[in-house]
Amino acid sequence: MPNTTTTPELARLLAIMARLRDPATGCEWDCAQSFATIAPYTIEEAYEVADAIARDDLAALREELGDLLLQVVFHARIAEEAGHFAFEDVAASISDKMETRHPHIFGTSVDEGQSREARWEMLKAGERAAKGATSALDGVALALPALMRAEKLQKRAARVGFDWPDLCGPTAKVVEEIDELAHAKTDAERVEEAGDFLFAATNLVRAYGIAPEDALRAANAKFERRFSAMEALARDDAQDFSALSLDEQEALWQAVKRQEKG
């Protein structure tokens, strides 16, 4: 049963989802969904929230947060129908977790001056151990984007001492992996060595104190901006960009870079 303390707005949303999932009078599409079929939409909505934040679009952020909340309500409804848990249990679970992870705020523990990250990771490690984790790498979600997961795996390994002491090690490793990729002889070897190179590059960027995901996102945005500007320059000269030679396209690329610097 819904909690009597639920706000009218949230109660309305929960009722809408219950109606949509009603096997007799609900929506055929919504009734057919499962955790697995909804999961891709959940991931997509999380990215759209991040996109709205990146664009500093607060109207879009409000809308996208609503879409993401709908995903939580959807998953919780499916679980409730199967007798596993309800939305209220989800809310209670995260509330319990946040209070446990902030004992110096909600409990009697004294803040011993550790960094927020150190304190947070210590508590999370305790939670993982309580769930039966046996490796420092346990619990890094498989569904994370590969670049983000590589960084998290490396950070976990670093916390138990498996990390380069300075930039020389990861730099040399990147050079080594480039060479091994160049000398790979089969498709399978090239895939393996390409992965090793990307993993090593992630480690090098991390060693500089830079979040690889943020760096690559910025590089993507820069490439997109410059490429669009190249196409615009070609159109201004009544040229078909795709028909230009590589040297001509490169000349446009350099022109765009000069414009940006100017």
C-alpha atoms as a PDB file:
ATOM      1  CA  MET A   1       0.000   0.000   0.000  1.00  0.00           C
ATOM      2  CA  PRO A   2       1.245   3.529  -0.714  1.00  0.00           C
ATOM      3  CA  ASN A   3       2.719   5.348   2.258  1.00  0.00           C
ATOM      4  CA  THR A   4       0.286   7.915   3.684  1.00  0.00           C
ATOM      5  CA  THR A   5       3.102  10.456   3.832  1.00  0.00           C
ATOM      6  CA  THR A   6       3.589  10.338   0.048  1.00  0.00           C
ATOM      7  CA  THR A   7       3.182  13.768  -1.534  1.00  0.00           C
ATOM      8  CA  PRO A   8       0.165  14.274  -3.812  1.00  0.00           C
ATOM      9  CA  GLU A   9       2.435  14.646  -6.837  1.00  0.00           C
ATOM     10  CA  LEU A  10       4.278  11.409  -6.137  1.00  0.00           C
ATOM     11  CA  ALA A  11       1.068   9.578  -5.243  1.00  0.00           C
ATOM     12  CA  ARG A  12      -0.337  10.675  -8.611  1.00  0.00           C
ATOM     13  CA  LEU A  13       2.709   9.354 -10.462  1.00  0.00           C
ATOM     14  CA  LEU A  14       2.554   6.020  -8.631  1.00  0.00           C
ATOM     15  CA  ALA A  15      -1.162   5.756  -9.437  1.00  0.00           C
ATOM     16  CA  ILE A  16      -0.519   6.523 -13.118  1.00  0.00           C
ATOM     17  CA  MET A  17       2.059   3.744 -13.316  1.00  0.00           C
ATOM     18  CA  ALA A  18      -0.274   1.303 -11.550  1.00  0.00           C
ATOM     19  CA  ARG A  19      -3.003   2.182 -14.063  1.00  0.00           C
ATOM     20  CA  LEU A  20      -0.655   1.791 -17.025  1.00  0.00           C
ATOM     21  CA  ARG A  21       0.425  -1.642 -15.762  1.00  0.00           C
ATOM     22  CA  ASP A  22      -3.120  -2.867 -15.044  1.00  0.00           C
ATOM     23  CA  PRO A  23      -3.417  -6.137 -16.993  1.00  0.00           C
ATOM     24  CA  ALA A  24      -7.098  -5.543 -17.768  1.00  0.00           C
ATOM     25  CA  THR A  25      -7.322  -1.814 -18.507  1.00  0.00           C
ATOM     26  CA  GLY A  26      -3.714  -0.673 -18.825  1.00  0.00           C
ATOM     27  CA  CYS A  27      -1.417   0.122 -21.744  1.00  0.00           C
ATOM     28  CA  GLU A  28      -0.407  -2.899 -23.792  1.00  0.00           C
ATOM     29  CA  TRP A  29       3.175  -1.657 -24.202  1.00  0.00           C
ATOM     30  CA  ASP A  30       3.680  -0.789 -20.534  1.00  0.00           C
ATOM     31  CA  CYS A  31       2.226  -4.122 -19.419  1.00  0.00           C
ATOM     32  CA  ALA A  32       4.627  -6.009 -21.681  1.00  0.00           C
ATOM     33  CA  GLN A  33       7.772  -4.459 -20.186  1.00  0.00           C
ATOM     34  CA  SER A  34      10.220  -6.073 -17.783  1.00  0.00           C
ATOM     35  CA  PHE A  35      13.321  -4.978 -15.856  1.00  0.00           C
ATOM     36  CA  ALA A  36      15.472  -5.977 -18.809  1.00  0.00           C
ATOM     37  CA  THR A  37      13.461  -4.187 -21.495  1.00  0.00           C
ATOM     38  CA  ILE A  38      13.209  -0.984 -19.456  1.00  0.00           C
ATOM     39  CA  ALA A  39      16.893  -0.887 -18.444  1.00  0.00           C
ATOM     40  CA  PRO A  40      18.126   0.715 -21.727  1.00  0.00           C
ATOM     41  CA  TYR A  41      15.591   3.532 -21.303  1.00  0.00           C
ATOM     42  CA  THR A  42      16.770   4.065 -17.732  1.00  0.00           C
ATOM     43  CA  ILE A  43      20.352   4.469 -18.929  1.00  0.00           C
ATOM     44  CA  GLU A  44      19.251   6.774 -21.760  1.00  0.00           C
ATOM     45  CA  GLU A  45      17.310   9.009 -19.370  1.00  0.00           C
ATOM     46  CA  ALA A  46      20.311   9.302 -17.045  1.00  0.00           C
ATOM     47  CA  TYR A  47      22.405  10.496 -19.975  1.00  0.00           C
ATOM     48  CA  GLU A  48      19.727  13.001 -20.953  1.00  0.00           C
ATOM     49  CA  VAL A  49      19.825  14.404 -17.417  1.00  0.00           C
ATOM     50  CA  ALA A  50      23.592  14.816 -17.779  1.00  0.00           C
ATOM     51  CA  ASP A  51      23.112  16.455 -21.179  1.00  0.00           C
ATOM     52  CA  ALA A  52      20.651  19.002 -19.777  1.00  0.00           C
ATOM     53  CA  ILE A  53      23.160  19.843 -17.040  1.00  0.00           C
ATOM     54  CA  ALA A  54      25.974  20.209 -19.570  1.00  0.00           C
ATOM     55  CA  ARG A  55      23.802  22.613 -21.589  1.00  0.00           C
ATOM     56  CA  ASP A  56      22.824  24.510 -18.414  1.00  0.00           C
ATOM     57  CA  ASP A  57      19.182  24.096 -19.470  1.00  0.00           C
ATOM     58  CA  LEU A  58      17.177  24.086 -16.236  1.00  0.00           C
ATOM     59  CA  ALA A  59      13.821  23.663 -17.969  1.00  0.00           C
ATOM     60  CA  ALA A  60      15.160  20.577 -19.733  1.00  0.00           C
ATOM     61  CA  LEU A  61      16.733  19.358 -16.481  1.00  0.00           C
ATOM     62  CA  ARG A  62      13.367  19.471 -14.706  1.00  0.00           C
ATOM     63  CA  GLU A  63      11.800  17.487 -17.541  1.00  0.00           C
ATOM     64  CA  GLU A  64      14.617  14.951 -17.760  1.00  0.00           C
ATOM     65  CA  LEU A  65      14.653  14.407 -13.991  1.00  0.00           C
ATOM     66  CA  GLY A  66      10.943  13.618 -14.283  1.00  0.00           C
ATOM     67  CA  ASP A  67      11.682  11.103 -17.030  1.00  0.00           C
ATOM     68  CA  LEU A  68      14.357   9.504 -14.849  1.00  0.00           C
ATOM     69  CA  LEU A  69      12.007   9.389 -11.850  1.00  0.00           C
ATOM     70  CA  LEU A  70       9.462   7.623 -14.057  1.00  0.00           C
ATOM     71  CA  GLN A  71      12.052   4.923 -14.714  1.00  0.00           C
ATOM     72  CA  VAL A  72      12.500   4.357 -10.973  1.00  0.00           C
ATOM     73  CA  VAL A  73       8.738   4.194 -10.500  1.00  0.00           C
ATOM     74  CA  PHE A  74       8.458   1.778 -13.457  1.00  0.00           C
ATOM     75  CA  HIS A  75      11.060  -0.635 -12.070  1.00  0.00           C
ATOM     76  CA  ALA A  76       9.564  -0.423  -8.583  1.00  0.00           C
ATOM     77  CA  ARG A  77       6.078  -1.176  -9.926  1.00  0.00           C
ATOM     78  CA  ILE A  78       7.302  -4.264 -11.769  1.00  0.00           C
ATOM     79  CA  ALA A  79       9.009  -5.435  -8.575  1.00  0.00           C
ATOM     80  CA  GLU A  80       5.900  -4.758  -6.490  1.00  0.00           C
ATOM     81  CA  GLU A  81       3.725  -6.782  -8.845  1.00  0.00           C
ATOM     82  CA  ALA A  82       6.124  -9.708  -8.453  1.00  0.00           C
ATOM     83  CA  GLY A  83       6.047  -9.376  -4.655  1.00  0.00           C
ATOM     84  CA  HIS A  84       9.684  -8.293  -4.286  1.00  0.00           C
ATOM     85  CA  PHE A  85       9.534  -4.679  -3.091  1.00  0.00           C
ATOM     86  CA  ALA A  86       7.659  -1.413  -3.691  1.00  0.00           C
ATOM     87  CA  PHE A  87       8.640   2.199  -4.357  1.00  0.00           C
ATOM     88  CA  GLU A  88       8.510   2.972  -0.635  1.00  0.00           C
ATOM     89  CA  ASP A  89      11.076   0.224  -0.024  1.00  0.00           C
ATOM     90  CA  VAL A  90      13.378   1.794  -2.628  1.00  0.00           C
ATOM     91  CA  ALA A  91      13.082   5.185  -0.932  1.00  0.00           C
ATOM     92  CA  ALA A  92      13.645   3.646   2.515  1.00  0.00           C
ATOM     93  CA  SER A  93      16.686   1.736   1.268  1.00  0.00           C
ATOM     94  CA  ILE A  94      18.469   4.797  -0.093  1.00  0.00           C
ATOM     95  CA  SER A  95      17.537   6.827   2.999  1.00  0.00           C
ATOM     96  CA  ASP A  96      19.062   4.138   5.230  1.00  0.00           C
ATOM     97  CA  LYS A  97      22.176   4.049   3.059  1.00  0.00           C
ATOM     98  CA  MET A  98      22.681   7.817   3.091  1.00  0.00           C
ATOM     99  CA  GLU A  99      22.337   7.968   6.868  1.00  0.00           C
ATOM    100  CA  THR A 100      24.771   5.068   7.276  1.00  0.00           C
ATOM    101  CA  ARG A 101      27.294   6.705   4.955  1.00  0.00           C
ATOM    102  CA  HIS A 102      27.133   9.981   6.899  1.00  0.00           C
ATOM    103  CA  PRO A 103      27.543   8.841  10.513  1.00  0.00           C
ATOM    104  CA  HIS A 104      29.132  12.177  11.454  1.00  0.00           C
ATOM    105  CA  ILE A 105      25.929  13.920  10.319  1.00  0.00           C
ATOM    106  CA  PHE A 106      23.137  11.512  11.306  1.00  0.00           C
ATOM    107  CA  GLY A 107      24.916   9.503  14.016  1.00  0.00           C
ATOM    108  CA  THR A 108      27.302   9.990  16.885  1.00  0.00           C
ATOM    109  CA  SER A 109      30.571   9.400  15.041  1.00  0.00           C
ATOM    110  CA  VAL A 110      33.113  12.198  15.071  1.00  0.00           C
ATOM    111  CA  ASP A 111      34.419  13.563  11.777  1.00  0.00           C
ATOM    112  CA  GLU A 112      38.062  12.491  11.908  1.00  0.00           C
ATOM    113  CA  GLY A 113      39.098  14.877   9.171  1.00  0.00           C
ATOM    114  CA  GLN A 114      39.358  12.394   6.295  1.00  0.00           C
ATOM    115  CA  SER A 115      38.517  13.619   2.834  1.00  0.00           C
ATOM    116  CA  ARG A 116      34.948  13.067   1.763  1.00  0.00           C
ATOM    117  CA  GLU A 117      36.135  10.534  -0.835  1.00  0.00           C
ATOM    118  CA  ALA A 118      38.253   8.566   1.656  1.00  0.00           C
ATOM    119  CA  ARG A 119      35.410   8.376   4.193  1.00  0.00           C
ATOM    120  CA  TRP A 120      32.871   7.461   1.495  1.00  0.00           C
ATOM    121  CA  GLU A 121      35.060   4.706   0.042  1.00  0.00           C
ATOM    122  CA  MET A 122      35.780   3.246   3.461  1.00  0.00           C
ATOM    123  CA  LEU A 123      32.069   2.956   4.192  1.00  0.00           C
ATOM    124  CA  LYS A 124      31.332   1.547   0.726  1.00  0.00           C
ATOM    125  CA  ALA A 125      34.105  -1.028   1.161  1.00  0.00           C
ATOM    126  CA  GLY A 126      32.457  -2.119   4.396  1.00  0.00           C
ATOM    127  CA  GLU A 127      29.124  -2.473   2.605  1.00  0.00           C
ATOM    128  CA  ARG A 128      30.718  -4.568  -0.142  1.00  0.00           C
ATOM    129  CA  ALA A 129      32.415  -6.800   2.413  1.00  0.00           C
ATOM    130  CA  ALA A 130      29.094  -7.310   4.191  1.00  0.00           C
ATOM    131  CA  LYS A 131      27.642  -8.474   0.868  1.00  0.00           C
ATOM    132  CA  GLY A 132      30.405 -11.072   0.483  1.00  0.00           C
ATOM    133  CA  ALA A 133      32.886  -9.218  -1.722  1.00  0.00           C
ATOM    134  CA  THR A 134      36.290 -10.922  -1.849  1.00  0.00           C
ATOM    135  CA  SER A 135      38.123  -8.661  -4.313  1.00  0.00           C
ATOM    136  CA  ALA A 136      38.885  -4.956  -4.304  1.00  0.00           C
ATOM    137  CA  LEU A 137      37.316  -4.886  -7.773  1.00  0.00           C
ATOM    138  CA  ASP A 138      33.999  -6.447  -6.756  1.00  0.00           C
ATOM    139  CA  GLY A 139      30.969  -4.273  -7.335  1.00  0.00           C
ATOM    140  CA  VAL A 140      32.168  -2.202 -10.296  1.00  0.00           C
ATOM    141  CA  ALA A 141      29.054  -2.307 -12.456  1.00  0.00           C
ATOM    142  CA  LEU A 142      29.388  -4.216 -15.719  1.00  0.00           C
ATOM    143  CA  ALA A 143      26.880  -1.916 -17.437  1.00  0.00           C
ATOM    144  CA  LEU A 144      29.036   1.199 -17.028  1.00  0.00           C
ATOM    145  CA  PRO A 145      30.461   2.715 -20.225  1.00  0.00           C
ATOM    146  CA  ALA A 146      33.781   0.980 -20.865  1.00  0.00           C
ATOM    147  CA  LEU A 147      35.893   4.114 -20.360  1.00  0.00           C
ATOM    148  CA  MET A 148      34.242   4.942 -17.052  1.00  0.00           C
ATOM    149  CA  ARG A 149      34.505   1.328 -15.883  1.00  0.00           C
ATOM    150  CA  ALA A 150      38.203   1.206 -16.772  1.00  0.00           C
ATOM    151  CA  GLU A 151      38.828   4.274 -14.625  1.00  0.00           C
ATOM    152  CA  LYS A 152      36.874   2.823 -11.699  1.00  0.00           C
ATOM    153  CA  LEU A 153      38.733  -0.496 -11.915  1.00  0.00           C
ATOM    154  CA  GLN A 154      42.051   1.354 -11.923  1.00  0.00           C
ATOM    155  CA  LYS A 155      41.052   3.498  -8.945  1.00  0.00           C
ATOM    156  CA  ARG A 156      40.007   0.428  -6.977  1.00  0.00           C
ATOM    157  CA  ALA A 157      43.332  -1.267  -7.735  1.00  0.00           C
ATOM    158  CA  ALA A 158      45.200   1.907  -6.772  1.00  0.00           C
ATOM    159  CA  ARG A 159      43.541   1.967  -3.348  1.00  0.00           C
ATOM    160  CA  VAL A 160      45.248  -1.318  -2.473  1.00  0.00           C
ATOM    161  CA  GLY A 161      48.610  -0.145  -3.796  1.00  0.00           C
ATOM    162  CA  PHE A 162      48.526  -1.467  -7.379  1.00  0.00           C
ATOM    163  CA  ASP A 163      49.417   1.743  -9.193  1.00  0.00           C
ATOM    164  CA  TRP A 164      52.380   3.506 -10.771  1.00  0.00           C
ATOM    165  CA  PRO A 165      54.256   5.813  -8.368  1.00  0.00           C
ATOM    166  CA  ASP A 166      54.705   8.522 -11.020  1.00  0.00           C
ATOM    167  CA  LEU A 167      53.931   9.421 -14.647  1.00  0.00           C
ATOM    168  CA  CYS A 168      56.876   7.486 -16.099  1.00  0.00           C
ATOM    169  CA  GLY A 169      55.213   4.096 -15.700  1.00  0.00           C
ATOM    170  CA  PRO A 170      51.863   4.815 -17.369  1.00  0.00           C
ATOM    171  CA  THR A 171      53.570   6.840 -20.101  1.00  0.00           C
ATOM    172  CA  ALA A 172      55.903   3.966 -20.968  1.00  0.00           C
ATOM    173  CA  LYS A 173      52.964   1.564 -20.897  1.00  0.00           C
ATOM    174  CA  VAL A 174      51.078   3.612 -23.496  1.00  0.00           C
ATOM    175  CA  VAL A 175      54.138   3.589 -25.793  1.00  0.00           C
ATOM    176  CA  GLU A 176      54.486  -0.180 -25.292  1.00  0.00           C
ATOM    177  CA  GLU A 177      50.818  -0.792 -26.142  1.00  0.00           C
ATOM    178  CA  ILE A 178      51.034   1.353 -29.298  1.00  0.00           C
ATOM    179  CA  ASP A 179      53.934  -0.806 -30.466  1.00  0.00           C
ATOM    180  CA  GLU A 180      52.103  -4.033 -29.672  1.00  0.00           C
ATOM    181  CA  LEU A 181      49.018  -2.844 -31.559  1.00  0.00           C
ATOM    182  CA  ALA A 182      51.168  -1.965 -34.567  1.00  0.00           C
ATOM    183  CA  HIS A 183      52.661  -5.476 -34.592  1.00  0.00           C
ATOM    184  CA  ALA A 184      49.421  -7.428 -34.020  1.00  0.00           C
ATOM    185  CA  LYS A 185      48.936  -9.906 -36.850  1.00  0.00           C
ATOM    186  CA  THR A 186      45.338 -11.127 -36.580  1.00  0.00           C
ATOM    187  CA  ASP A 187      41.989  -9.430 -36.033  1.00  0.00           C
ATOM    188  CA  ALA A 188      41.720 -11.033 -32.610  1.00  0.00           C
ATOM    189  CA  GLU A 189      45.177  -9.771 -31.635  1.00  0.00           C
ATOM    190  CA  ARG A 190      44.365  -6.278 -32.893  1.00  0.00           C
ATOM    191  CA  VAL A 191      41.155  -6.169 -30.837  1.00  0.00           C
ATOM    192  CA  GLU A 192      43.035  -7.313 -27.736  1.00  0.00           C
ATOM    193  CA  GLU A 193      45.911  -4.882 -28.210  1.00  0.00           C
ATOM    194  CA  ALA A 194      43.544  -2.021 -29.020  1.00  0.00           C
ATOM    195  CA  GLY A 195      41.794  -2.673 -25.715  1.00  0.00           C
ATOM    196  CA  ASP A 196      45.109  -2.756 -23.874  1.00  0.00           C
ATOM    197  CA  PHE A 197      46.094   0.557 -25.495  1.00  0.00           C
ATOM    198  CA  LEU A 198      42.818   2.249 -24.508  1.00  0.00           C
ATOM    199  CA  PHE A 199      43.098   0.891 -20.966  1.00  0.00           C
ATOM    200  CA  ALA A 200      46.684   2.168 -20.711  1.00  0.00           C
ATOM    201  CA  ALA A 201      45.684   5.571 -22.125  1.00  0.00           C
ATOM    202  CA  THR A 202      42.913   5.798 -19.534  1.00  0.00           C
ATOM    203  CA  ASN A 203      45.455   5.043 -16.819  1.00  0.00           C
ATOM    204  CA  LEU A 204      47.826   7.737 -18.083  1.00  0.00           C
ATOM    205  CA  VAL A 205      45.091  10.372 -18.182  1.00  0.00           C
ATOM    206  CA  ARG A 206      44.032   9.352 -14.666  1.00  0.00           C
ATOM    207  CA  ALA A 207      47.639   9.723 -13.499  1.00  0.00           C
ATOM    208  CA  TYR A 208      47.463  13.380 -14.536  1.00  0.00           C
ATOM    209  CA  GLY A 209      44.485  13.788 -12.200  1.00  0.00           C
ATOM    210  CA  ILE A 210      42.042  14.143 -15.088  1.00  0.00           C
ATOM    211  CA  ALA A 211      38.750  12.239 -15.345  1.00  0.00           C
ATOM    212  CA  PRO A 212      39.049  10.367 -18.683  1.00  0.00           C
ATOM    213  CA  GLU A 213      35.300  10.507 -19.316  1.00  0.00           C
ATOM    214  CA  ASP A 214      35.279  14.309 -18.897  1.00  0.00           C
ATOM    215  CA  ALA A 215      38.340  14.715 -21.109  1.00  0.00           C
ATOM    216  CA  LEU A 216      36.917  12.584 -23.915  1.00  0.00           C
ATOM    217  CA  ARG A 217      33.530  14.282 -23.682  1.00  0.00           C
ATOM    218  CA  ALA A 218      35.252  17.646 -24.113  1.00  0.00           C
ATOM    219  CA  ALA A 219      37.285  16.309 -27.039  1.00  0.00           C
ATOM    220  CA  ASN A 220      34.105  14.999 -28.684  1.00  0.00           C
ATOM    221  CA  ALA A 221      32.446  18.396 -28.311  1.00  0.00           C
ATOM    222  CA  LYS A 222      35.507  20.167 -29.749  1.00  0.00           C
ATOM    223  CA  PHE A 223      35.680  17.813 -32.728  1.00  0.00           C
ATOM    224  CA  GLU A 224      31.962  18.213 -33.409  1.00  0.00           C
ATOM    225  CA  ARG A 225      32.219  22.001 -33.216  1.00  0.00           C
ATOM    226  CA  ARG A 226      35.234  22.190 -35.498  1.00  0.00           C
ATOM    227  CA  PHE A 227      33.862  19.692 -38.008  1.00  0.00           C
ATOM    228  CA  SER A 228      30.600  21.638 -38.297  1.00  0.00           C
ATOM    229  CA  ALA A 229      32.615  24.812 -38.811  1.00  0.00           C
ATOM    230  CA  MET A 230      34.599  23.128 -41.606  1.00  0.00           C
ATOM    231  CA  GLU A 231      31.376  22.144 -43.362  1.00  0.00           C
ATOM    232  CA  ALA A 232      30.106  25.712 -43.009  1.00  0.00           C
ATOM    233  CA  LEU A 233      33.282  27.117 -44.576  1.00  0.00           C
ATOM    234  CA  ALA A 234      32.904  24.715 -47.493  1.00  0.00           C
ATOM    235  CA  ARG A 235      29.281  25.767 -47.997  1.00  0.00           C
ATOM    236  CA  ASP A 236      30.270  29.439 -47.915  1.00  0.00           C
ATOM    237  CA  ASP A 237      32.591  28.701 -50.853  1.00  0.00           C
ATOM    238  CA  ALA A 238      29.863  26.702 -52.641  1.00  0.00           C
ATOM    239  CA  GLN A 239      31.892  23.506 -52.184  1.00  0.00           C
ATOM    240  CA  ASP A 240      30.730  19.990 -51.424  1.00  0.00           C
ATOM    241  CA  PHE A 241      32.735  19.091 -48.351  1.00  0.00           C
ATOM    242  CA  SER A 242      32.631  15.355 -49.055  1.00  0.00           C
ATOM    243  CA  ALA A 243      34.060  15.924 -52.544  1.00  0.00           C
ATOM    244  CA  LEU A 244      37.130  17.775 -51.270  1.00  0.00           C
ATOM    245  CA  SER A 245      40.485  16.033 -51.083  1.00  0.00           C
ATOM    246  CA  LEU A 246      41.922  15.191 -47.681  1.00  0.00           C
ATOM    247  CA  ASP A 247      44.473  17.999 -48.084  1.00  0.00           C
ATOM    248  CA  GLU A 248      41.665  20.487 -48.818  1.00  0.00           C
ATOM    249  CA  GLN A 249      39.685  19.267 -45.832  1.00  0.00           C
ATOM    250  CA  GLU A 250      42.794  19.558 -43.654  1.00  0.00           C
ATOM    251  CA  ALA A 251      43.246  23.135 -44.848  1.00  0.00           C
ATOM    252  CA  LEU A 252      39.708  23.893 -43.669  1.00  0.00           C
ATOM    253  CA  TRP A 253      40.455  22.224 -40.327  1.00  0.00           C
ATOM    254  CA  GLN A 254      43.491  24.442 -39.833  1.00  0.00           C
ATOM    255  CA  ALA A 255      41.452  27.503 -40.843  1.00  0.00           C
ATOM    256  CA  VAL A 256      38.875  26.672 -38.183  1.00  0.00           C
ATOM    257  CA  LYS A 257      41.580  26.255 -35.565  1.00  0.00           C
ATOM    258  CA  ARG A 258      43.026  29.652 -36.498  1.00  0.00           C
ATOM    259  CA  GLN A 259      39.585  31.223 -36.193  1.00  0.00           C
ATOM    260  CA  GLU A 260      39.148  29.755 -32.727  1.00  0.00           C
ATOM    261  CA  LYS A 261      42.532  31.002 -31.571  1.00  0.00           C
ATOM    262  CA  GLY A 262      41.819  34.403 -33.042  1.00  0.00           C
END
